Amino acid sequence: MIENGLVQTAPTTGGLLAYLGTFVLAAAVYSLTAHIAARNVLGDVPARRALLVGPGPAAVSVLLQQYGVLAFVVALALDFVLIRYVYRLRLRTASLVTVIHLVVSVLVLFVVLSAFRLVGTAPG
């Protein structure tokens, strides 16, 4: 829906299973990308720590999806806090890991959405 030149998004309705599935998938992707970001900046780190980071931003994304930019800001702030405390980092290092996590997450999203669109244009 376009209103006053801005695109308005409204969350689609779905059952509990749809929300749970979205949360689990998002948590898995965020955990994977958090581990990639942490390894990039910190070197060899246990993958278990990333499993503690991923569910936070995923929960915020699912619960606050109708708020758009606010959901993004809250998820990013929570991501920073979780990365800082889970990996026991100083502010500057936690900020760097958070930025790398954001970049890796956007790149993964771009690749997946591009593949989805490419498959959607296949004949037959």
PDB file of N, CA and C in Angstrom:
ATOM      1  N   MET A   1       0.841  -1.160   0.000  1.00  0.00           N
ATOM      2  CA  MET A   1       0.000   0.000   0.000  1.00  0.00           C
ATOM      3  C   MET A   1       0.895   1.233   0.000  1.00  0.00           C
ATOM      4  N   ILE A   2       0.574   2.196  -0.840  1.00  0.00           N
ATOM      5  CA  ILE A   2       1.347   3.439  -0.918  1.00  0.00           C
ATOM      6  C   ILE A   2       0.467   4.566  -0.401  1.00  0.00           C
ATOM      7  N   GLU A   3       1.009   5.297   0.555  1.00  0.00           N
ATOM      8  CA  GLU A   3       0.270   6.379   1.178  1.00  0.00           C
ATOM      9  C   GLU A   3       1.202   7.573   1.318  1.00  0.00           C
ATOM     10  N   ASN A   4       0.824   8.703   0.778  1.00  0.00           N
ATOM     11  CA  ASN A   4       1.638   9.925   0.819  1.00  0.00           C
ATOM     12  C   ASN A   4       3.036   9.704   0.259  1.00  0.00           C
ATOM     13  N   GLY A   5       3.128   8.878  -0.772  1.00  0.00           N
ATOM     14  CA  GLY A   5       4.415   8.633  -1.406  1.00  0.00           C
ATOM     15  C   GLY A   5       5.309   7.665  -0.660  1.00  0.00           C
ATOM     16  N   LEU A   6       4.863   7.153   0.480  1.00  0.00           N
ATOM     17  CA  LEU A   6       5.647   6.202   1.258  1.00  0.00           C
ATOM     18  C   LEU A   6       5.006   4.823   1.178  1.00  0.00           C
ATOM     19  N   VAL A   7       5.838   3.831   1.112  1.00  0.00           N
ATOM     20  CA  VAL A   7       5.333   2.470   1.085  1.00  0.00           C
ATOM     21  C   VAL A   7       5.056   2.037   2.519  1.00  0.00           C
ATOM     22  N   GLN A   8       3.834   1.639   2.770  1.00  0.00           N
ATOM     23  CA  GLN A   8       3.436   1.178   4.087  1.00  0.00           C
ATOM     24  C   GLN A   8       3.374  -0.344   4.071  1.00  0.00           C
ATOM     25  N   THR A   9       3.977  -0.975   5.043  1.00  0.00           N
ATOM     26  CA  THR A   9       3.902  -2.423   5.120  1.00  0.00           C
ATOM     27  C   THR A   9       3.036  -2.809   6.307  1.00  0.00           C
ATOM     28  N   ALA A  10       2.283  -3.832   6.107  1.00  0.00           N
ATOM     29  CA  ALA A  10       1.458  -4.357   7.181  1.00  0.00           C
ATOM     30  C   ALA A  10       1.790  -5.829   7.338  1.00  0.00           C
ATOM     31  N   PRO A  11       1.949  -6.290   8.558  1.00  0.00           N
ATOM     32  CA  PRO A  11       2.266  -7.695   8.747  1.00  0.00           C
ATOM     33  C   PRO A  11       1.111  -8.574   8.284  1.00  0.00           C
ATOM     34  N   THR A  12       1.465  -9.672   7.682  1.00  0.00           N
ATOM     35  CA  THR A  12       0.427 -10.590   7.243  1.00  0.00           C
ATOM     36  C   THR A  12      -0.040 -11.408   8.429  1.00  0.00           C
ATOM     37  N   THR A  13      -1.263 -11.851   8.341  1.00  0.00           N
ATOM     38  CA  THR A  13      -1.785 -12.665   9.419  1.00  0.00           C
ATOM     39  C   THR A  13      -1.290 -14.090   9.241  1.00  0.00           C
ATOM     40  N   GLY A  14      -1.080 -14.721  10.302  1.00  0.00           N
ATOM     41  CA  GLY A  14      -0.611 -16.097  10.269  1.00  0.00           C
ATOM     42  C   GLY A  14      -0.834 -16.724  11.630  1.00  0.00           C
ATOM     43  N   GLY A  15      -0.814 -18.017  11.638  1.00  0.00           N
ATOM     44  CA  GLY A  15      -1.005 -18.725  12.884  1.00  0.00           C
ATOM     45  C   GLY A  15       0.263 -18.764  13.715  1.00  0.00           C
ATOM     46  N   LEU A  16       0.156 -19.375  14.854  1.00  0.00           N
ATOM     47  CA  LEU A  16       1.284 -19.494  15.768  1.00  0.00           C
ATOM     48  C   LEU A  16       2.431 -20.261  15.116  1.00  0.00           C
ATOM     49  N   LEU A  17       2.108 -21.273  14.326  1.00  0.00           N
ATOM     50  CA  LEU A  17       3.137 -22.062  13.668  1.00  0.00           C
ATOM     51  C   LEU A  17       3.938 -21.213  12.671  1.00  0.00           C
ATOM     52  N   ALA A  18       3.268 -20.309  11.967  1.00  0.00           N
ATOM     53  CA  ALA A  18       3.965 -19.430  11.019  1.00  0.00           C
ATOM     54  C   ALA A  18       4.937 -18.507  11.751  1.00  0.00           C
ATOM     55  N   TYR A  19       4.509 -17.936  12.868  1.00  0.00           N
ATOM     56  CA  TYR A  19       5.387 -17.065  13.644  1.00  0.00           C
ATOM     57  C   TYR A  19       6.549 -17.852  14.251  1.00  0.00           C
ATOM     58  N   LEU A  20       6.271 -19.042  14.743  1.00  0.00           N
ATOM     59  CA  LEU A  20       7.315 -19.872  15.328  1.00  0.00           C
ATOM     60  C   LEU A  20       8.337 -20.276  14.263  1.00  0.00           C
ATOM     61  N   GLY A  21       7.861 -20.664  13.094  1.00  0.00           N
ATOM     62  CA  GLY A  21       8.756 -21.034  12.006  1.00  0.00           C
ATOM     63  C   GLY A  21       9.612 -19.867  11.559  1.00  0.00           C
ATOM     64  N   THR A  22       9.017 -18.687  11.460  1.00  0.00           N
ATOM     65  CA  THR A  22       9.766 -17.491  11.082  1.00  0.00           C
ATOM     66  C   THR A  22      10.830 -17.167  12.123  1.00  0.00           C
ATOM     67  N   PHE A  23      10.457 -17.272  13.397  1.00  0.00           N
ATOM     68  CA  PHE A  23      11.417 -17.008  14.469  1.00  0.00           C
ATOM     69  C   PHE A  23      12.582 -17.992  14.431  1.00  0.00           C
ATOM     70  N   VAL A  24      12.289 -19.279  14.279  1.00  0.00           N
ATOM     71  CA  VAL A  24      13.347 -20.296  14.280  1.00  0.00           C
ATOM     72  C   VAL A  24      14.292 -20.095  13.091  1.00  0.00           C
ATOM     73  N   LEU A  25      13.722 -19.839  11.915  1.00  0.00           N
ATOM     74  CA  LEU A  25      14.557 -19.615  10.731  1.00  0.00           C
ATOM     75  C   LEU A  25      15.410 -18.349  10.894  1.00  0.00           C
ATOM     76  N   ALA A  26      14.802 -17.276  11.363  1.00  0.00           N
ATOM     77  CA  ALA A  26      15.548 -16.024  11.564  1.00  0.00           C
ATOM     78  C   ALA A  26      16.635 -16.206  12.624  1.00  0.00           C
ATOM     79  N   ALA A  27      16.321 -16.900  13.711  1.00  0.00           N
ATOM     80  CA  ALA A  27      17.314 -17.133  14.765  1.00  0.00           C
ATOM     81  C   ALA A  27      18.487 -17.953  14.234  1.00  0.00           C
ATOM     82  N   ALA A  28      18.205 -18.926  13.397  1.00  0.00           N
ATOM     83  CA  ALA A  28      19.277 -19.742  12.815  1.00  0.00           C
ATOM     84  C   ALA A  28      20.163 -18.907  11.903  1.00  0.00           C
ATOM     85  N   VAL A  29      19.552 -18.086  11.064  1.00  0.00           N
ATOM     86  CA  VAL A  29      20.329 -17.244  10.150  1.00  0.00           C
ATOM     87  C   VAL A  29      21.128 -16.203  10.929  1.00  0.00           C
ATOM     88  N   TYR A  30      20.512 -15.562  11.904  1.00  0.00           N
ATOM     89  CA  TYR A  30      21.238 -14.563  12.697  1.00  0.00           C
ATOM     90  C   TYR A  30      22.372 -15.205  13.497  1.00  0.00           C
ATOM     91  N   SER A  31      22.163 -16.418  13.979  1.00  0.00           N
ATOM     92  CA  SER A  31      23.234 -17.107  14.705  1.00  0.00           C
ATOM     93  C   SER A  31      24.395 -17.435  13.774  1.00  0.00           C
ATOM     94  N   LEU A  32      24.082 -17.913  12.583  1.00  0.00           N
ATOM     95  CA  LEU A  32      25.120 -18.222  11.608  1.00  0.00           C
ATOM     96  C   LEU A  32      25.906 -16.967  11.235  1.00  0.00           C
ATOM     97  N   THR A  33      25.209 -15.892  10.934  1.00  0.00           N
ATOM     98  CA  THR A  33      25.896 -14.664  10.535  1.00  0.00           C
ATOM     99  C   THR A  33      26.649 -14.033  11.717  1.00  0.00           C
ATOM    100  N   ALA A  34      26.143 -14.205  12.936  1.00  0.00           N
ATOM    101  CA  ALA A  34      26.870 -13.709  14.113  1.00  0.00           C
ATOM    102  C   ALA A  34      28.175 -14.479  14.281  1.00  0.00           C
ATOM    103  N   HIS A  35      28.132 -15.776  14.050  1.00  0.00           N
ATOM    104  CA  HIS A  35      29.357 -16.575  14.159  1.00  0.00           C
ATOM    105  C   HIS A  35      30.367 -16.164  13.081  1.00  0.00           C
ATOM    106  N   ILE A  36      29.883 -15.947  11.862  1.00  0.00           N
ATOM    107  CA  ILE A  36      30.772 -15.510  10.780  1.00  0.00           C
ATOM    108  C   ILE A  36      31.413 -14.164  11.135  1.00  0.00           C
ATOM    109  N   ALA A  37      30.613 -13.240  11.646  1.00  0.00           N
ATOM    110  CA  ALA A  37      31.132 -11.917  12.015  1.00  0.00           C
ATOM    111  C   ALA A  37      32.144 -12.024  13.151  1.00  0.00           C
ATOM    112  N   ALA A  38      31.830 -12.819  14.159  1.00  0.00           N
ATOM    113  CA  ALA A  38      32.740 -12.964  15.298  1.00  0.00           C
ATOM    114  C   ALA A  38      34.051 -13.608  14.869  1.00  0.00           C
ATOM    115  N   ARG A  39      33.984 -14.609  14.016  1.00  0.00           N
ATOM    116  CA  ARG A  39      35.221 -15.253  13.524  1.00  0.00           C
ATOM    117  C   ARG A  39      36.037 -14.280  12.687  1.00  0.00           C
ATOM    118  N   ASN A  40      35.359 -13.439  11.944  1.00  0.00           N
ATOM    119  CA  ASN A  40      36.044 -12.457  11.114  1.00  0.00           C
ATOM    120  C   ASN A  40      36.849 -11.479  11.955  1.00  0.00           C
ATOM    121  N   VAL A  41      36.294 -11.047  13.063  1.00  0.00           N
ATOM    122  CA  VAL A  41      36.930 -10.022  13.891  1.00  0.00           C
ATOM    123  C   VAL A  41      37.798 -10.631  14.991  1.00  0.00           C
ATOM    124  N   LEU A  42      37.304 -11.676  15.642  1.00  0.00           N
ATOM    125  CA  LEU A  42      37.964 -12.199  16.837  1.00  0.00           C
ATOM    126  C   LEU A  42      38.846 -13.414  16.592  1.00  0.00           C
ATOM    127  N   GLY A  43      38.713 -14.032  15.438  1.00  0.00           N
ATOM    128  CA  GLY A  43      39.461 -15.264  15.187  1.00  0.00           C
ATOM    129  C   GLY A  43      38.621 -16.472  15.563  1.00  0.00           C
ATOM    130  N   ASP A  44      39.261 -17.476  16.129  1.00  0.00           N
ATOM    131  CA  ASP A  44      38.568 -18.724  16.455  1.00  0.00           C
ATOM    132  C   ASP A  44      37.736 -18.550  17.733  1.00  0.00           C
ATOM    133  N   VAL A  45      36.426 -18.626  17.592  1.00  0.00           N
ATOM    134  CA  VAL A  45      35.509 -18.513  18.730  1.00  0.00           C
ATOM    135  C   VAL A  45      34.535 -19.689  18.693  1.00  0.00           C
ATOM    136  N   PRO A  46      34.033 -20.104  19.851  1.00  0.00           N
ATOM    137  CA  PRO A  46      33.079 -21.216  19.863  1.00  0.00           C
ATOM    138  C   PRO A  46      31.754 -20.826  19.191  1.00  0.00           C
ATOM    139  N   ALA A  47      31.220 -21.746  18.402  1.00  0.00           N
ATOM    140  CA  ALA A  47      29.953 -21.494  17.706  1.00  0.00           C
ATOM    141  C   ALA A  47      28.784 -21.403  18.682  1.00  0.00           C
ATOM    142  N   ARG A  48      28.913 -22.008  19.845  1.00  0.00           N
ATOM    143  CA  ARG A  48      27.819 -21.976  20.827  1.00  0.00           C
ATOM    144  C   ARG A  48      27.458 -20.559  21.254  1.00  0.00           C
ATOM    145  N   ARG A  49      28.447 -19.695  21.282  1.00  0.00           N
ATOM    146  CA  ARG A  49      28.172 -18.311  21.695  1.00  0.00           C
ATOM    147  C   ARG A  49      27.247 -17.619  20.708  1.00  0.00           C
ATOM    148  N   ALA A  50      27.422 -17.903  19.428  1.00  0.00           N
ATOM    149  CA  ALA A  50      26.562 -17.286  18.411  1.00  0.00           C
ATOM    150  C   ALA A  50      25.123 -17.745  18.569  1.00  0.00           C
ATOM    151  N   LEU A  51      24.931 -18.951  19.086  1.00  0.00           N
ATOM    152  CA  LEU A  51      23.574 -19.448  19.310  1.00  0.00           C
ATOM    153  C   LEU A  51      22.850 -18.637  20.379  1.00  0.00           C
ATOM    154  N   LEU A  52      23.596 -17.943  21.216  1.00  0.00           N
ATOM    155  CA  LEU A  52      22.978 -17.070  22.221  1.00  0.00           C
ATOM    156  C   LEU A  52      22.657 -15.694  21.653  1.00  0.00           C
ATOM    157  N   VAL A  53      23.343 -15.314  20.577  1.00  0.00           N
ATOM    158  CA  VAL A  53      23.137 -13.985  19.983  1.00  0.00           C
ATOM    159  C   VAL A  53      21.940 -13.985  19.036  1.00  0.00           C
ATOM    160  N   GLY A  54      21.800 -14.991  18.196  1.00  0.00           N
ATOM    161  CA  GLY A  54      20.799 -15.019  17.136  1.00  0.00           C
ATOM    162  C   GLY A  54      19.342 -14.858  17.552  1.00  0.00           C
ATOM    163  N   PRO A  55      18.886 -15.533  18.609  1.00  0.00           N
ATOM    164  CA  PRO A  55      17.459 -15.437  18.961  1.00  0.00           C
ATOM    165  C   PRO A  55      16.984 -14.042  19.381  1.00  0.00           C
ATOM    166  N   GLY A  56      17.855 -13.208  19.903  1.00  0.00           N
ATOM    167  CA  GLY A  56      17.452 -11.854  20.327  1.00  0.00           C
ATOM    168  C   GLY A  56      16.949 -11.001  19.183  1.00  0.00           C
ATOM    169  N   PRO A  57      17.789 -10.748  18.169  1.00  0.00           N
ATOM    170  CA  PRO A  57      17.308  -9.965  17.033  1.00  0.00           C
ATOM    171  C   PRO A  57      16.158 -10.636  16.292  1.00  0.00           C
ATOM    172  N   ALA A  58      16.144 -11.964  16.278  1.00  0.00           N
ATOM    173  CA  ALA A  58      15.053 -12.673  15.612  1.00  0.00           C
ATOM    174  C   ALA A  58      13.728 -12.422  16.321  1.00  0.00           C
ATOM    175  N   ALA A  59      13.748 -12.460  17.642  1.00  0.00           N
ATOM    176  CA  ALA A  59      12.523 -12.211  18.412  1.00  0.00           C
ATOM    177  C   ALA A  59      12.030 -10.781  18.190  1.00  0.00           C
ATOM    178  N   VAL A  60      12.949  -9.823  18.199  1.00  0.00           N
ATOM    179  CA  VAL A  60      12.563  -8.434  17.972  1.00  0.00           C
ATOM    180  C   VAL A  60      11.981  -8.274  16.564  1.00  0.00           C
ATOM    181  N   SER A  61      12.610  -8.909  15.589  1.00  0.00           N
ATOM    182  CA  SER A  61      12.133  -8.812  14.208  1.00  0.00           C
ATOM    183  C   SER A  61      10.718  -9.352  14.059  1.00  0.00           C
ATOM    184  N   VAL A  62      10.440 -10.457  14.712  1.00  0.00           N
ATOM    185  CA  VAL A  62       9.109 -11.060  14.607  1.00  0.00           C
ATOM    186  C   VAL A  62       8.081 -10.270  15.416  1.00  0.00           C
ATOM    187  N   LEU A  63       8.444  -9.864  16.626  1.00  0.00           N
ATOM    188  CA  LEU A  63       7.478  -9.201  17.501  1.00  0.00           C
ATOM    189  C   LEU A  63       7.186  -7.756  17.104  1.00  0.00           C
ATOM    190  N   LEU A  64       8.184  -7.058  16.553  1.00  0.00           N
ATOM    191  CA  LEU A  64       8.003  -5.642  16.234  1.00  0.00           C
ATOM    192  C   LEU A  64       7.974  -5.382  14.731  1.00  0.00           C
ATOM    193  N   GLN A  65       7.642  -6.377  13.937  1.00  0.00           N
ATOM    194  CA  GLN A  65       7.715  -6.228  12.482  1.00  0.00           C
ATOM    195  C   GLN A  65       6.861  -5.097  11.938  1.00  0.00           C
ATOM    196  N   GLN A  66       5.766  -4.768  12.577  1.00  0.00           N
ATOM    197  CA  GLN A  66       4.892  -3.717  12.052  1.00  0.00           C
ATOM    198  C   GLN A  66       5.446  -2.319  12.290  1.00  0.00           C
ATOM    199  N   TYR A  67       6.522  -2.211  13.065  1.00  0.00           N
ATOM    200  CA  TYR A  67       7.069  -0.894  13.374  1.00  0.00           C
ATOM    201  C   TYR A  67       8.247  -0.493  12.493  1.00  0.00           C
ATOM    202  N   GLY A  68       8.636  -1.313  11.541  1.00  0.00           N
ATOM    203  CA  GLY A  68       9.645  -0.975  10.540  1.00  0.00           C
ATOM    204  C   GLY A  68      10.982  -0.560  11.097  1.00  0.00           C
ATOM    205  N   VAL A  69      11.328   0.710  10.958  1.00  0.00           N
ATOM    206  CA  VAL A  69      12.644   1.221  11.348  1.00  0.00           C
ATOM    207  C   VAL A  69      12.883   1.062  12.848  1.00  0.00           C
ATOM    208  N   LEU A  70      11.846   1.243  13.647  1.00  0.00           N
ATOM    209  CA  LEU A  70      11.996   1.063  15.094  1.00  0.00           C
ATOM    210  C   LEU A  70      12.423  -0.363  15.407  1.00  0.00           C
ATOM    211  N   ALA A  71      11.831  -1.335  14.736  1.00  0.00           N
ATOM    212  CA  ALA A  71      12.201  -2.733  14.944  1.00  0.00           C
ATOM    213  C   ALA A  71      13.659  -2.956  14.577  1.00  0.00           C
ATOM    214  N   PHE A  72      14.102  -2.339  13.475  1.00  0.00           N
ATOM    215  CA  PHE A  72      15.493  -2.466  13.049  1.00  0.00           C
ATOM    216  C   PHE A  72      16.435  -1.884  14.100  1.00  0.00           C
ATOM    217  N   VAL A  73      16.125  -0.705  14.606  1.00  0.00           N
ATOM    218  CA  VAL A  73      16.984  -0.038  15.592  1.00  0.00           C
ATOM    219  C   VAL A  73      17.044  -0.843  16.889  1.00  0.00           C
ATOM    220  N   VAL A  74      15.895  -1.326  17.346  1.00  0.00           N
ATOM    221  CA  VAL A  74      15.856  -2.120  18.580  1.00  0.00           C
ATOM    222  C   VAL A  74      16.618  -3.425  18.394  1.00  0.00           C
ATOM    223  N   ALA A  75      16.433  -4.084  17.253  1.00  0.00           N
ATOM    224  CA  ALA A  75      17.140  -5.340  16.976  1.00  0.00           C
ATOM    225  C   ALA A  75      18.647  -5.113  16.918  1.00  0.00           C
ATOM    226  N   LEU A  76      19.071  -4.029  16.290  1.00  0.00           N
ATOM    227  CA  LEU A  76      20.500  -3.729  16.198  1.00  0.00           C
ATOM    228  C   LEU A  76      21.084  -3.416  17.573  1.00  0.00           C
ATOM    229  N   ALA A  77      20.351  -2.677  18.389  1.00  0.00           N
ATOM    230  CA  ALA A  77      20.821  -2.366  19.744  1.00  0.00           C
ATOM    231  C   ALA A  77      20.916  -3.632  20.592  1.00  0.00           C
ATOM    232  N   LEU A  78      19.914  -4.488  20.491  1.00  0.00           N
ATOM    233  CA  LEU A  78      19.944  -5.750  21.234  1.00  0.00           C
ATOM    234  C   LEU A  78      21.077  -6.634  20.737  1.00  0.00           C
ATOM    235  N   ASP A  79      21.300  -6.638  19.440  1.00  0.00           N
ATOM    236  CA  ASP A  79      22.406  -7.395  18.863  1.00  0.00           C
ATOM    237  C   ASP A  79      23.733  -6.928  19.454  1.00  0.00           C
ATOM    238  N   PHE A  80      23.928  -5.620  19.532  1.00  0.00           N
ATOM    239  CA  PHE A  80      25.149  -5.058  20.114  1.00  0.00           C
ATOM    240  C   PHE A  80      25.316  -5.505  21.562  1.00  0.00           C
ATOM    241  N   VAL A  81      24.249  -5.393  22.344  1.00  0.00           N
ATOM    242  CA  VAL A  81      24.321  -5.769  23.766  1.00  0.00           C
ATOM    243  C   VAL A  81      24.642  -7.247  23.913  1.00  0.00           C
ATOM    244  N   LEU A  82      23.966  -8.092  23.133  1.00  0.00           N
ATOM    245  CA  LEU A  82      24.219  -9.529  23.227  1.00  0.00           C
ATOM    246  C   LEU A  82      25.645  -9.878  22.800  1.00  0.00           C
ATOM    247  N   ILE A  83      26.099  -9.288  21.716  1.00  0.00           N
ATOM    248  CA  ILE A  83      27.466  -9.554  21.259  1.00  0.00           C
ATOM    249  C   ILE A  83      28.468  -9.107  22.313  1.00  0.00           C
ATOM    250  N   ARG A  84      28.231  -7.962  22.899  1.00  0.00           N
ATOM    251  CA  ARG A  84      29.170  -7.438  23.903  1.00  0.00           C
ATOM    252  C   ARG A  84      29.278  -8.367  25.112  1.00  0.00           C
ATOM    253  N   TYR A  85      28.126  -8.848  25.601  1.00  0.00           N
ATOM    254  CA  TYR A  85      28.163  -9.652  26.813  1.00  0.00           C
ATOM    255  C   TYR A  85      28.440 -11.126  26.554  1.00  0.00           C
ATOM    256  N   VAL A  86      27.982 -11.667  25.452  1.00  0.00           N
ATOM    257  CA  VAL A  86      28.231 -13.070  25.162  1.00  0.00           C
ATOM    258  C   VAL A  86      29.710 -13.304  24.854  1.00  0.00           C
ATOM    259  N   TYR A  87      30.313 -12.404  24.084  1.00  0.00           N
ATOM    260  CA  TYR A  87      31.721 -12.548  23.728  1.00  0.00           C
ATOM    261  C   TYR A  87      32.657 -11.803  24.674  1.00  0.00           C
ATOM    262  N   ARG A  88      32.105 -11.080  25.662  1.00  0.00           N
ATOM    263  CA  ARG A  88      32.876 -10.330  26.657  1.00  0.00           C
ATOM    264  C   ARG A  88      33.844  -9.344  25.994  1.00  0.00           C
ATOM    265  N   LEU A  89      33.285  -8.415  25.235  1.00  0.00           N
ATOM    266  CA  LEU A  89      34.087  -7.485  24.450  1.00  0.00           C
ATOM    267  C   LEU A  89      33.985  -6.064  24.976  1.00  0.00           C
ATOM    268  N   ARG A  90      34.985  -5.268  24.628  1.00  0.00           N
ATOM    269  CA  ARG A  90      34.928  -3.833  24.912  1.00  0.00           C
ATOM    270  C   ARG A  90      33.970  -3.184  23.915  1.00  0.00           C
ATOM    271  N   LEU A  91      33.591  -1.943  24.179  1.00  0.00           N
ATOM    272  CA  LEU A  91      32.604  -1.253  23.346  1.00  0.00           C
ATOM    273  C   LEU A  91      33.026  -1.170  21.877  1.00  0.00           C
ATOM    274  N   ARG A  92      34.246  -0.776  21.632  1.00  0.00           N
ATOM    275  CA  ARG A  92      34.712  -0.591  20.260  1.00  0.00           C
ATOM    276  C   ARG A  92      34.734  -1.921  19.497  1.00  0.00           C
ATOM    277  N   THR A  93      35.207  -2.968  20.121  1.00  0.00           N
ATOM    278  CA  THR A  93      35.261  -4.278  19.457  1.00  0.00           C
ATOM    279  C   THR A  93      33.854  -4.823  19.249  1.00  0.00           C
ATOM    280  N   ALA A  94      32.988  -4.649  20.230  1.00  0.00           N
ATOM    281  CA  ALA A  94      31.598  -5.102  20.086  1.00  0.00           C
ATOM    282  C   ALA A  94      30.903  -4.331  18.969  1.00  0.00           C
ATOM    283  N   SER A  95      31.210  -3.058  18.837  1.00  0.00           N
ATOM    284  CA  SER A  95      30.638  -2.257  17.750  1.00  0.00           C
ATOM    285  C   SER A  95      31.093  -2.784  16.394  1.00  0.00           C
ATOM    286  N   LEU A  96      32.362  -3.121  16.293  1.00  0.00           N
ATOM    287  CA  LEU A  96      32.889  -3.652  15.039  1.00  0.00           C
ATOM    288  C   LEU A  96      32.238  -4.983  14.682  1.00  0.00           C
ATOM    289  N   VAL A  97      32.122  -5.865  15.657  1.00  0.00           N
ATOM    290  CA  VAL A  97      31.474  -7.166  15.409  1.00  0.00           C
ATOM    291  C   VAL A  97      30.016  -6.956  15.017  1.00  0.00           C
ATOM    292  N   THR A  98      29.340  -6.019  15.646  1.00  0.00           N
ATOM    293  CA  THR A  98      27.937  -5.737  15.320  1.00  0.00           C
ATOM    294  C   THR A  98      27.796  -5.218  13.897  1.00  0.00           C
ATOM    295  N   VAL A  99      28.676  -4.316  13.486  1.00  0.00           N
ATOM    296  CA  VAL A  99      28.623  -3.793  12.114  1.00  0.00           C
ATOM    297  C   VAL A  99      28.901  -4.902  11.109  1.00  0.00           C
ATOM    298  N   ILE A 100      29.895  -5.734  11.393  1.00  0.00           N
ATOM    299  CA  ILE A 100      30.192  -6.858  10.497  1.00  0.00           C
ATOM    300  C   ILE A 100      29.008  -7.821  10.457  1.00  0.00           C
ATOM    301  N   HIS A 101      28.363  -8.031  11.591  1.00  0.00           N
ATOM    302  CA  HIS A 101      27.180  -8.903  11.637  1.00  0.00           C
ATOM    303  C   HIS A 101      26.064  -8.329  10.766  1.00  0.00           C
ATOM    304  N   LEU A 102      25.865  -7.038  10.839  1.00  0.00           N
ATOM    305  CA  LEU A 102      24.847  -6.390  10.009  1.00  0.00           C
ATOM    306  C   LEU A 102      25.174  -6.555   8.525  1.00  0.00           C
ATOM    307  N   VAL A 103      26.416  -6.324   8.167  1.00  0.00           N
ATOM    308  CA  VAL A 103      26.819  -6.428   6.762  1.00  0.00           C
ATOM    309  C   VAL A 103      26.654  -7.863   6.257  1.00  0.00           C
ATOM    310  N   VAL A 104      27.108  -8.829   7.022  1.00  0.00           N
ATOM    311  CA  VAL A 104      26.988 -10.223   6.610  1.00  0.00           C
ATOM    312  C   VAL A 104      25.515 -10.626   6.506  1.00  0.00           C
ATOM    313  N   SER A 105      24.699 -10.178   7.440  1.00  0.00           N
ATOM    314  CA  SER A 105      23.264 -10.498   7.391  1.00  0.00           C
ATOM    315  C   SER A 105      22.599  -9.911   6.151  1.00  0.00           C
ATOM    316  N   VAL A 106      22.947  -8.665   5.812  1.00  0.00           N
ATOM    317  CA  VAL A 106      22.388  -8.030   4.618  1.00  0.00           C
ATOM    318  C   VAL A 106      22.849  -8.766   3.364  1.00  0.00           C
ATOM    319  N   LEU A 107      24.115  -9.155   3.319  1.00  0.00           N
ATOM    320  CA  LEU A 107      24.615  -9.890   2.156  1.00  0.00           C
ATOM    321  C   LEU A 107      23.912 -11.239   1.988  1.00  0.00           C
ATOM    322  N   VAL A 108      23.721 -11.956   3.084  1.00  0.00           N
ATOM    323  CA  VAL A 108      23.008 -13.243   3.018  1.00  0.00           C
ATOM    324  C   VAL A 108      21.571 -13.019   2.569  1.00  0.00           C
ATOM    325  N   LEU A 109      20.922 -12.003   3.107  1.00  0.00           N
ATOM    326  CA  LEU A 109      19.552 -11.688   2.699  1.00  0.00           C
ATOM    327  C   LEU A 109      19.491 -11.343   1.212  1.00  0.00           C
ATOM    328  N   PHE A 110      20.446 -10.554   0.734  1.00  0.00           N
ATOM    329  CA  PHE A 110      20.488 -10.174  -0.671  1.00  0.00           C
ATOM    330  C   PHE A 110      20.645 -11.402  -1.567  1.00  0.00           C
ATOM    331  N   VAL A 111      21.542 -12.306  -1.206  1.00  0.00           N
ATOM    332  CA  VAL A 111      21.770 -13.511  -2.008  1.00  0.00           C
ATOM    333  C   VAL A 111      20.525 -14.396  -2.022  1.00  0.00           C
ATOM    334  N   VAL A 112      19.912 -14.589  -0.867  1.00  0.00           N
ATOM    335  CA  VAL A 112      18.721 -15.447  -0.794  1.00  0.00           C
ATOM    336  C   VAL A 112      17.564 -14.837  -1.575  1.00  0.00           C
ATOM    337  N   LEU A 113      17.325 -13.542  -1.409  1.00  0.00           N
ATOM    338  CA  LEU A 113      16.230 -12.901  -2.146  1.00  0.00           C
ATOM    339  C   LEU A 113      16.498 -12.869  -3.646  1.00  0.00           C
ATOM    340  N   SER A 114      17.744 -12.675  -4.037  1.00  0.00           N
ATOM    341  CA  SER A 114      18.080 -12.700  -5.461  1.00  0.00           C
ATOM    342  C   SER A 114      17.844 -14.085  -6.052  1.00  0.00           C
ATOM    343  N   ALA A 115      18.236 -15.112  -5.323  1.00  0.00           N
ATOM    344  CA  ALA A 115      18.000 -16.483  -5.787  1.00  0.00           C
ATOM    345  C   ALA A 115      16.505 -16.771  -5.871  1.00  0.00           C
ATOM    346  N   PHE A 116      15.759 -16.292  -4.908  1.00  0.00           N
ATOM    347  CA  PHE A 116      14.309 -16.488  -4.915  1.00  0.00           C
ATOM    348  C   PHE A 116      13.673 -15.817  -6.127  1.00  0.00           C
ATOM    349  N   ARG A 117      14.087 -14.599  -6.415  1.00  0.00           N
ATOM    350  CA  ARG A 117      13.560 -13.889  -7.586  1.00  0.00           C
ATOM    351  C   ARG A 117      13.975 -14.566  -8.889  1.00  0.00           C
ATOM    352  N   LEU A 118      15.194 -15.060  -8.930  1.00  0.00           N
ATOM    353  CA  LEU A 118      15.680 -15.744 -10.128  1.00  0.00           C
ATOM    354  C   LEU A 118      14.893 -17.012 -10.382  1.00  0.00           C
ATOM    355  N   VAL A 119      14.632 -17.768  -9.354  1.00  0.00           N
ATOM    356  CA  VAL A 119      13.820 -18.991  -9.494  1.00  0.00           C
ATOM    357  C   VAL A 119      12.406 -18.630  -9.919  1.00  0.00           C
ATOM    358  N   GLY A 120      11.893 -17.506  -9.424  1.00  0.00           N
ATOM    359  CA  GLY A 120      10.544 -17.068  -9.772  1.00  0.00           C
ATOM    360  C   GLY A 120      10.389 -16.679 -11.242  1.00  0.00           C
ATOM    361  N   THR A 121      11.492 -16.366 -11.905  1.00  0.00           N
ATOM    362  CA  THR A 121      11.409 -15.989 -13.326  1.00  0.00           C
ATOM    363  C   THR A 121      11.657 -17.175 -14.260  1.00  0.00           C
ATOM    364  N   ALA A 122      11.894 -18.347 -13.694  1.00  0.00           N
ATOM    365  CA  ALA A 122      12.156 -19.532 -14.527  1.00  0.00           C
ATOM    366  C   ALA A 122      10.894 -19.915 -15.296  1.00  0.00           C
ATOM    367  N   PRO A 123      11.057 -20.343 -16.537  1.00  0.00           N
ATOM    368  CA  PRO A 123       9.881 -20.749 -17.325  1.00  0.00           C
ATOM    369  C   PRO A 123       9.304 -22.061 -16.804  1.00  0.00           C
ATOM    370  N   GLY A 124       7.987 -22.182 -16.995  1.00  0.00           N
ATOM    371  CA  GLY A 124       7.303 -23.437 -16.691  1.00  0.00           C
ATOM    372  C   GLY A 124       6.965 -23.562 -15.276  1.00  0.00           C
TER     373      GLY A 124
END
